[in-house]
Amino acid sequence: MEGTTHKLSIDGMTCGCCSGRLTNALNATPGILQAVISHETHSGVVITNDSISMDQIAMIVAGTGFKLRT
């Protein structure tokens, strides 16, 4: 899959429902080609096209109740 790959470290996820909610929110966002999030490793991979920024990804993460680790 072509696009820009972003590796994320995410705080606040405690279960599969958490990672599923975040995965669904990210995958529903225009500009995100694919998102795979794991609560077990507190991490994820997001593949985007050029129309979405890391700030926008951070806002989606925060909007679902979690926080990106920098």
PDB file of N, CA and C in Angstrom:
ATOM      1  N   MET A   1       0.854  -1.178   0.000  1.00  0.00           N
ATOM      2  CA  MET A   1       0.000   0.000   0.000  1.00  0.00           C
ATOM      3  C   MET A   1       0.898   1.239   0.000  1.00  0.00           C
ATOM      4  N   GLU A   2       0.619   2.147  -0.901  1.00  0.00           N
ATOM      5  CA  GLU A   2       1.383   3.372  -1.005  1.00  0.00           C
ATOM      6  C   GLU A   2       0.849   4.400  -0.023  1.00  0.00           C
ATOM      7  N   GLY A   3       1.702   5.262   0.466  1.00  0.00           N
ATOM      8  CA  GLY A   3       1.307   6.310   1.399  1.00  0.00           C
ATOM      9  C   GLY A   3       2.422   6.537   2.394  1.00  0.00           C
ATOM     10  N   THR A   4       2.158   7.399   3.356  1.00  0.00           N
ATOM     11  CA  THR A   4       3.114   7.701   4.412  1.00  0.00           C
ATOM     12  C   THR A   4       2.758   6.884   5.643  1.00  0.00           C
ATOM     13  N   THR A   5       3.739   6.192   6.208  1.00  0.00           N
ATOM     14  CA  THR A   5       3.515   5.352   7.389  1.00  0.00           C
ATOM     15  C   THR A   5       3.922   6.106   8.641  1.00  0.00           C
ATOM     16  N   HIS A   6       3.021   6.145   9.622  1.00  0.00           N
ATOM     17  CA  HIS A   6       3.265   6.786  10.912  1.00  0.00           C
ATOM     18  C   HIS A   6       3.184   5.717  11.995  1.00  0.00           C
ATOM     19  N   LYS A   7       4.223   5.608  12.801  1.00  0.00           N
ATOM     20  CA  LYS A   7       4.206   4.697  13.941  1.00  0.00           C
ATOM     21  C   LYS A   7       3.824   5.507  15.167  1.00  0.00           C
ATOM     22  N   LEU A   8       2.805   5.038  15.891  1.00  0.00           N
ATOM     23  CA  LEU A   8       2.262   5.774  17.027  1.00  0.00           C
ATOM     24  C   LEU A   8       2.511   5.040  18.332  1.00  0.00           C
ATOM     25  N   SER A   9       2.763   5.794  19.393  1.00  0.00           N
ATOM     26  CA  SER A   9       2.752   5.290  20.765  1.00  0.00           C
ATOM     27  C   SER A   9       1.575   5.976  21.442  1.00  0.00           C
ATOM     28  N   ILE A  10       0.695   5.180  22.058  1.00  0.00           N
ATOM     29  CA  ILE A  10      -0.587   5.701  22.534  1.00  0.00           C
ATOM     30  C   ILE A  10      -0.777   5.354  24.006  1.00  0.00           C
ATOM     31  N   ASP A  11      -1.116   6.346  24.814  1.00  0.00           N
ATOM     32  CA  ASP A  11      -1.411   6.136  26.233  1.00  0.00           C
ATOM     33  C   ASP A  11      -2.921   6.075  26.454  1.00  0.00           C
ATOM     34  N   GLY A  12      -3.340   5.264  27.417  1.00  0.00           N
ATOM     35  CA  GLY A  12      -4.721   5.261  27.863  1.00  0.00           C
ATOM     36  C   GLY A  12      -5.560   4.070  27.445  1.00  0.00           C
ATOM     37  N   MET A  13      -5.056   3.227  26.570  1.00  0.00           N
ATOM     38  CA  MET A  13      -5.851   2.068  26.140  1.00  0.00           C
ATOM     39  C   MET A  13      -5.681   0.930  27.145  1.00  0.00           C
ATOM     40  N   THR A  14      -6.803   0.314  27.512  1.00  0.00           N
ATOM     41  CA  THR A  14      -6.743  -0.764  28.498  1.00  0.00           C
ATOM     42  C   THR A  14      -7.306  -2.093  27.997  1.00  0.00           C
ATOM     43  N   CYS A  15      -8.000  -2.065  26.849  1.00  0.00           N
ATOM     44  CA  CYS A  15      -8.631  -3.307  26.389  1.00  0.00           C
ATOM     45  C   CYS A  15      -8.829  -3.280  24.879  1.00  0.00           C
ATOM     46  N   GLY A  16      -9.318  -4.386  24.364  1.00  0.00           N
ATOM     47  CA  GLY A  16      -9.570  -4.494  22.941  1.00  0.00           C
ATOM     48  C   GLY A  16     -10.632  -3.524  22.448  1.00  0.00           C
ATOM     49  N   CYS A  17     -11.590  -3.195  23.300  1.00  0.00           N
ATOM     50  CA  CYS A  17     -12.609  -2.214  22.904  1.00  0.00           C
ATOM     51  C   CYS A  17     -11.967  -0.846  22.670  1.00  0.00           C
ATOM     52  N   CYS A  18     -10.986  -0.493  23.497  1.00  0.00           N
ATOM     53  CA  CYS A  18     -10.275   0.778  23.336  1.00  0.00           C
ATOM     54  C   CYS A  18      -9.574   0.835  21.984  1.00  0.00           C
ATOM     55  N   SER A  19      -8.786  -0.180  21.693  1.00  0.00           N
ATOM     56  CA  SER A  19      -8.054  -0.174  20.422  1.00  0.00           C
ATOM     57  C   SER A  19      -9.012  -0.282  19.239  1.00  0.00           C
ATOM     58  N   GLY A  20     -10.101  -0.997  19.390  1.00  0.00           N
ATOM     59  CA  GLY A  20     -11.094  -1.105  18.327  1.00  0.00           C
ATOM     60  C   GLY A  20     -11.773   0.219  18.045  1.00  0.00           C
ATOM     61  N   ARG A  21     -12.107   0.954  19.097  1.00  0.00           N
ATOM     62  CA  ARG A  21     -12.748   2.268  18.932  1.00  0.00           C
ATOM     63  C   ARG A  21     -11.818   3.229  18.206  1.00  0.00           C
ATOM     64  N   LEU A  22     -10.548   3.233  18.600  1.00  0.00           N
ATOM     65  CA  LEU A  22      -9.580   4.111  17.952  1.00  0.00           C
ATOM     66  C   LEU A  22      -9.317   3.682  16.510  1.00  0.00           C
ATOM     67  N   THR A  23      -9.175   2.388  16.281  1.00  0.00           N
ATOM     68  CA  THR A  23      -8.973   1.877  14.925  1.00  0.00           C
ATOM     69  C   THR A  23     -10.124   2.292  14.025  1.00  0.00           C
ATOM     70  N   ASN A  24     -11.357   2.133  14.499  1.00  0.00           N
ATOM     71  CA  ASN A  24     -12.532   2.488  13.705  1.00  0.00           C
ATOM     72  C   ASN A  24     -12.580   3.985  13.406  1.00  0.00           C
ATOM     73  N   ALA A  25     -12.266   4.808  14.405  1.00  0.00           N
ATOM     74  CA  ALA A  25     -12.275   6.260  14.198  1.00  0.00           C
ATOM     75  C   ALA A  25     -11.228   6.669  13.169  1.00  0.00           C
ATOM     76  N   LEU A  26     -10.051   6.099  13.263  1.00  0.00           N
ATOM     77  CA  LEU A  26      -8.997   6.431  12.313  1.00  0.00           C
ATOM     78  C   LEU A  26      -9.342   5.943  10.909  1.00  0.00           C
ATOM     79  N   ASN A  27      -9.803   4.720  10.788  1.00  0.00           N
ATOM     80  CA  ASN A  27     -10.125   4.167   9.470  1.00  0.00           C
ATOM     81  C   ASN A  27     -11.306   4.871   8.805  1.00  0.00           C
ATOM     82  N   ALA A  28     -12.146   5.543   9.576  1.00  0.00           N
ATOM     83  CA  ALA A  28     -13.287   6.278   9.021  1.00  0.00           C
ATOM     84  C   ALA A  28     -12.898   7.684   8.569  1.00  0.00           C
ATOM     85  N   THR A  29     -11.656   8.078   8.779  1.00  0.00           N
ATOM     86  CA  THR A  29     -11.200   9.429   8.466  1.00  0.00           C
ATOM     87  C   THR A  29     -10.680   9.517   7.041  1.00  0.00           C
ATOM     88  N   PRO A  30     -11.222  10.437   6.245  1.00  0.00           N
ATOM     89  CA  PRO A  30     -10.681  10.644   4.895  1.00  0.00           C
ATOM     90  C   PRO A  30      -9.198  11.010   4.975  1.00  0.00           C
ATOM     91  N   GLY A  31      -8.404  10.404   4.133  1.00  0.00           N
ATOM     92  CA  GLY A  31      -6.967  10.646   4.140  1.00  0.00           C
ATOM     93  C   GLY A  31      -6.185   9.556   4.845  1.00  0.00           C
ATOM     94  N   ILE A  32      -6.867   8.763   5.682  1.00  0.00           N
ATOM     95  CA  ILE A  32      -6.216   7.623   6.325  1.00  0.00           C
ATOM     96  C   ILE A  32      -6.550   6.389   5.496  1.00  0.00           C
ATOM     97  N   LEU A  33      -5.507   5.768   4.977  1.00  0.00           N
ATOM     98  CA  LEU A  33      -5.680   4.600   4.116  1.00  0.00           C
ATOM     99  C   LEU A  33      -5.841   3.331   4.925  1.00  0.00           C
ATOM    100  N   GLN A  34      -5.129   3.239   6.060  1.00  0.00           N
ATOM    101  CA  GLN A  34      -5.235   2.062   6.925  1.00  0.00           C
ATOM    102  C   GLN A  34      -4.690   2.405   8.302  1.00  0.00           C
ATOM    103  N   ALA A  35      -5.352   1.899   9.334  1.00  0.00           N
ATOM    104  CA  ALA A  35      -4.882   2.054  10.710  1.00  0.00           C
ATOM    105  C   ALA A  35      -4.997   0.714  11.416  1.00  0.00           C
ATOM    106  N   VAL A  36      -3.941   0.340  12.115  1.00  0.00           N
ATOM    107  CA  VAL A  36      -3.933  -0.880  12.935  1.00  0.00           C
ATOM    108  C   VAL A  36      -3.402  -0.474  14.299  1.00  0.00           C
ATOM    109  N   ILE A  37      -4.231  -0.641  15.334  1.00  0.00           N
ATOM    110  CA  ILE A  37      -3.897  -0.201  16.682  1.00  0.00           C
ATOM    111  C   ILE A  37      -3.934  -1.408  17.618  1.00  0.00           C
ATOM    112  N   SER A  38      -2.971  -1.480  18.550  1.00  0.00           N
ATOM    113  CA  SER A  38      -2.915  -2.575  19.527  1.00  0.00           C
ATOM    114  C   SER A  38      -2.896  -2.019  20.946  1.00  0.00           C
ATOM    115  N   HIS A  39      -3.892  -2.426  21.744  1.00  0.00           N
ATOM    116  CA  HIS A  39      -3.877  -2.009  23.158  1.00  0.00           C
ATOM    117  C   HIS A  39      -2.791  -2.754  23.933  1.00  0.00           C
ATOM    118  N   GLU A  40      -2.430  -3.937  23.478  1.00  0.00           N
ATOM    119  CA  GLU A  40      -1.433  -4.741  24.174  1.00  0.00           C
ATOM    120  C   GLU A  40      -0.045  -4.105  24.144  1.00  0.00           C
ATOM    121  N   THR A  41       0.293  -3.488  23.011  1.00  0.00           N
ATOM    122  CA  THR A  41       1.614  -2.859  22.873  1.00  0.00           C
ATOM    123  C   THR A  41       1.532  -1.339  23.003  1.00  0.00           C
ATOM    124  N   HIS A  42       0.316  -0.829  23.187  1.00  0.00           N
ATOM    125  CA  HIS A  42       0.089   0.628  23.287  1.00  0.00           C
ATOM    126  C   HIS A  42       0.689   1.350  22.086  1.00  0.00           C
ATOM    127  N   SER A  43       0.477   0.760  20.912  1.00  0.00           N
ATOM    128  CA  SER A  43       1.064   1.335  19.704  1.00  0.00           C
ATOM    129  C   SER A  43       0.146   1.105  18.516  1.00  0.00           C
ATOM    130  N   GLY A  44       0.527   1.723  17.416  1.00  0.00           N
ATOM    131  CA  GLY A  44      -0.235   1.541  16.201  1.00  0.00           C
ATOM    132  C   GLY A  44       0.543   2.009  14.991  1.00  0.00           C
ATOM    133  N   VAL A  45       0.030   1.641  13.835  1.00  0.00           N
ATOM    134  CA  VAL A  45       0.586   2.070  12.565  1.00  0.00           C
ATOM    135  C   VAL A  45      -0.564   2.658  11.755  1.00  0.00           C
ATOM    136  N   VAL A  46      -0.330   3.860  11.243  1.00  0.00           N
ATOM    137  CA  VAL A  46      -1.330   4.542  10.429  1.00  0.00           C
ATOM    138  C   VAL A  46      -0.679   4.891   9.100  1.00  0.00           C
ATOM    139  N   ILE A  47      -1.335   4.507   8.012  1.00  0.00           N
ATOM    140  CA  ILE A  47      -0.859   4.843   6.673  1.00  0.00           C
ATOM    141  C   ILE A  47      -1.798   5.910   6.120  1.00  0.00           C
ATOM    142  N   THR A  48      -1.212   7.039   5.702  1.00  0.00           N
ATOM    143  CA  THR A  48      -2.005   8.174   5.240  1.00  0.00           C
ATOM    144  C   THR A  48      -1.591   8.597   3.835  1.00  0.00           C
ATOM    145  N   ASN A  49      -2.484   9.344   3.197  1.00  0.00           N
ATOM    146  CA  ASN A  49      -2.074  10.049   1.991  1.00  0.00           C
ATOM    147  C   ASN A  49      -1.606  11.434   2.433  1.00  0.00           C
ATOM    148  N   ASP A  50      -1.339  12.322   1.513  1.00  0.00           N
ATOM    149  CA  ASP A  50      -0.773  13.615   1.875  1.00  0.00           C
ATOM    150  C   ASP A  50      -1.796  14.622   2.396  1.00  0.00           C
ATOM    151  N   SER A  51      -3.052  14.243   2.492  1.00  0.00           N
ATOM    152  CA  SER A  51      -4.077  15.210   2.887  1.00  0.00           C
ATOM    153  C   SER A  51      -4.316  15.284   4.394  1.00  0.00           C
ATOM    154  N   ILE A  52      -3.603  14.510   5.181  1.00  0.00           N
ATOM    155  CA  ILE A  52      -3.815  14.507   6.632  1.00  0.00           C
ATOM    156  C   ILE A  52      -2.469  14.636   7.332  1.00  0.00           C
ATOM    157  N   SER A  53      -2.457  15.417   8.413  1.00  0.00           N
ATOM    158  CA  SER A  53      -1.213  15.679   9.147  1.00  0.00           C
ATOM    159  C   SER A  53      -1.192  14.907  10.465  1.00  0.00           C
ATOM    160  N   MET A  54      -0.025  14.881  11.093  1.00  0.00           N
ATOM    161  CA  MET A  54       0.091  14.240  12.413  1.00  0.00           C
ATOM    162  C   MET A  54      -0.737  14.987  13.447  1.00  0.00           C
ATOM    163  N   ASP A  55      -0.888  16.300  13.311  1.00  0.00           N
ATOM    164  CA  ASP A  55      -1.738  17.063  14.227  1.00  0.00           C
ATOM    165  C   ASP A  55      -3.187  16.585  14.133  1.00  0.00           C
ATOM    166  N   GLN A  56      -3.644  16.308  12.915  1.00  0.00           N
ATOM    167  CA  GLN A  56      -5.002  15.800  12.744  1.00  0.00           C
ATOM    168  C   GLN A  56      -5.150  14.403  13.334  1.00  0.00           C
ATOM    169  N   ILE A  57      -4.139  13.568  13.160  1.00  0.00           N
ATOM    170  CA  ILE A  57      -4.163  12.229  13.753  1.00  0.00           C
ATOM    171  C   ILE A  57      -4.216  12.351  15.275  1.00  0.00           C
ATOM    172  N   ALA A  58      -3.410  13.247  15.839  1.00  0.00           N
ATOM    173  CA  ALA A  58      -3.395  13.461  17.294  1.00  0.00           C
ATOM    174  C   ALA A  58      -4.767  13.914  17.791  1.00  0.00           C
ATOM    175  N   MET A  59      -5.454  14.753  17.020  1.00  0.00           N
ATOM    176  CA  MET A  59      -6.789  15.213  17.420  1.00  0.00           C
ATOM    177  C   MET A  59      -7.790  14.066  17.407  1.00  0.00           C
ATOM    178  N   ILE A  60      -7.677  13.163  16.448  1.00  0.00           N
ATOM    179  CA  ILE A  60      -8.571  11.998  16.402  1.00  0.00           C
ATOM    180  C   ILE A  60      -8.300  11.099  17.610  1.00  0.00           C
ATOM    181  N   VAL A  61      -7.026  10.866  17.899  1.00  0.00           N
ATOM    182  CA  VAL A  61      -6.655  10.047  19.063  1.00  0.00           C
ATOM    183  C   VAL A  61      -7.219  10.676  20.339  1.00  0.00           C
ATOM    184  N   ALA A  62      -7.027  11.979  20.507  1.00  0.00           N
ATOM    185  CA  ALA A  62      -7.531  12.673  21.698  1.00  0.00           C
ATOM    186  C   ALA A  62      -9.053  12.646  21.753  1.00  0.00           C
ATOM    187  N   GLY A  63      -9.691  12.764  20.597  1.00  0.00           N
ATOM    188  CA  GLY A  63     -11.152  12.748  20.541  1.00  0.00           C
ATOM    189  C   GLY A  63     -11.766  11.422  20.939  1.00  0.00           C
ATOM    190  N   THR A  64     -10.985  10.356  20.874  1.00  0.00           N
ATOM    191  CA  THR A  64     -11.483   9.047  21.309  1.00  0.00           C
ATOM    192  C   THR A  64     -11.051   8.728  22.735  1.00  0.00           C
ATOM    193  N   GLY A  65     -10.375   9.710  23.391  1.00  0.00           N
ATOM    194  CA  GLY A  65     -10.050   9.553  24.806  1.00  0.00           C
ATOM    195  C   GLY A  65      -8.643   9.087  25.114  1.00  0.00           C
ATOM    196  N   PHE A  66      -7.771   9.105  24.133  1.00  0.00           N
ATOM    197  CA  PHE A  66      -6.397   8.623  24.339  1.00  0.00           C
ATOM    198  C   PHE A  66      -5.399   9.735  24.025  1.00  0.00           C
ATOM    199  N   LYS A  67      -4.124   9.467  24.229  1.00  0.00           N
ATOM    200  CA  LYS A  67      -3.107  10.484  24.024  1.00  0.00           C
ATOM    201  C   LYS A  67      -1.899   9.889  23.317  1.00  0.00           C
ATOM    202  N   LEU A  68      -1.421  10.613  22.305  1.00  0.00           N
ATOM    203  CA  LEU A  68      -0.182  10.200  21.629  1.00  0.00           C
ATOM    204  C   LEU A  68       0.985  10.514  22.523  1.00  0.00           C
ATOM    205  N   ARG A  69       1.899   9.572  22.635  1.00  0.00           N
ATOM    206  CA  ARG A  69       3.158   9.782  23.349  1.00  0.00           C
ATOM    207  C   ARG A  69       4.164  10.347  22.351  1.00  0.00           C
ATOM    208  N   THR A  70       4.910  11.337  22.754  1.00  0.00           N
ATOM    209  CA  THR A  70       5.914  11.907  21.850  1.00  0.00           C
ATOM    210  C   THR A  70       7.306  11.457  22.205  1.00  0.00           C
TER     211      THR A  70
END
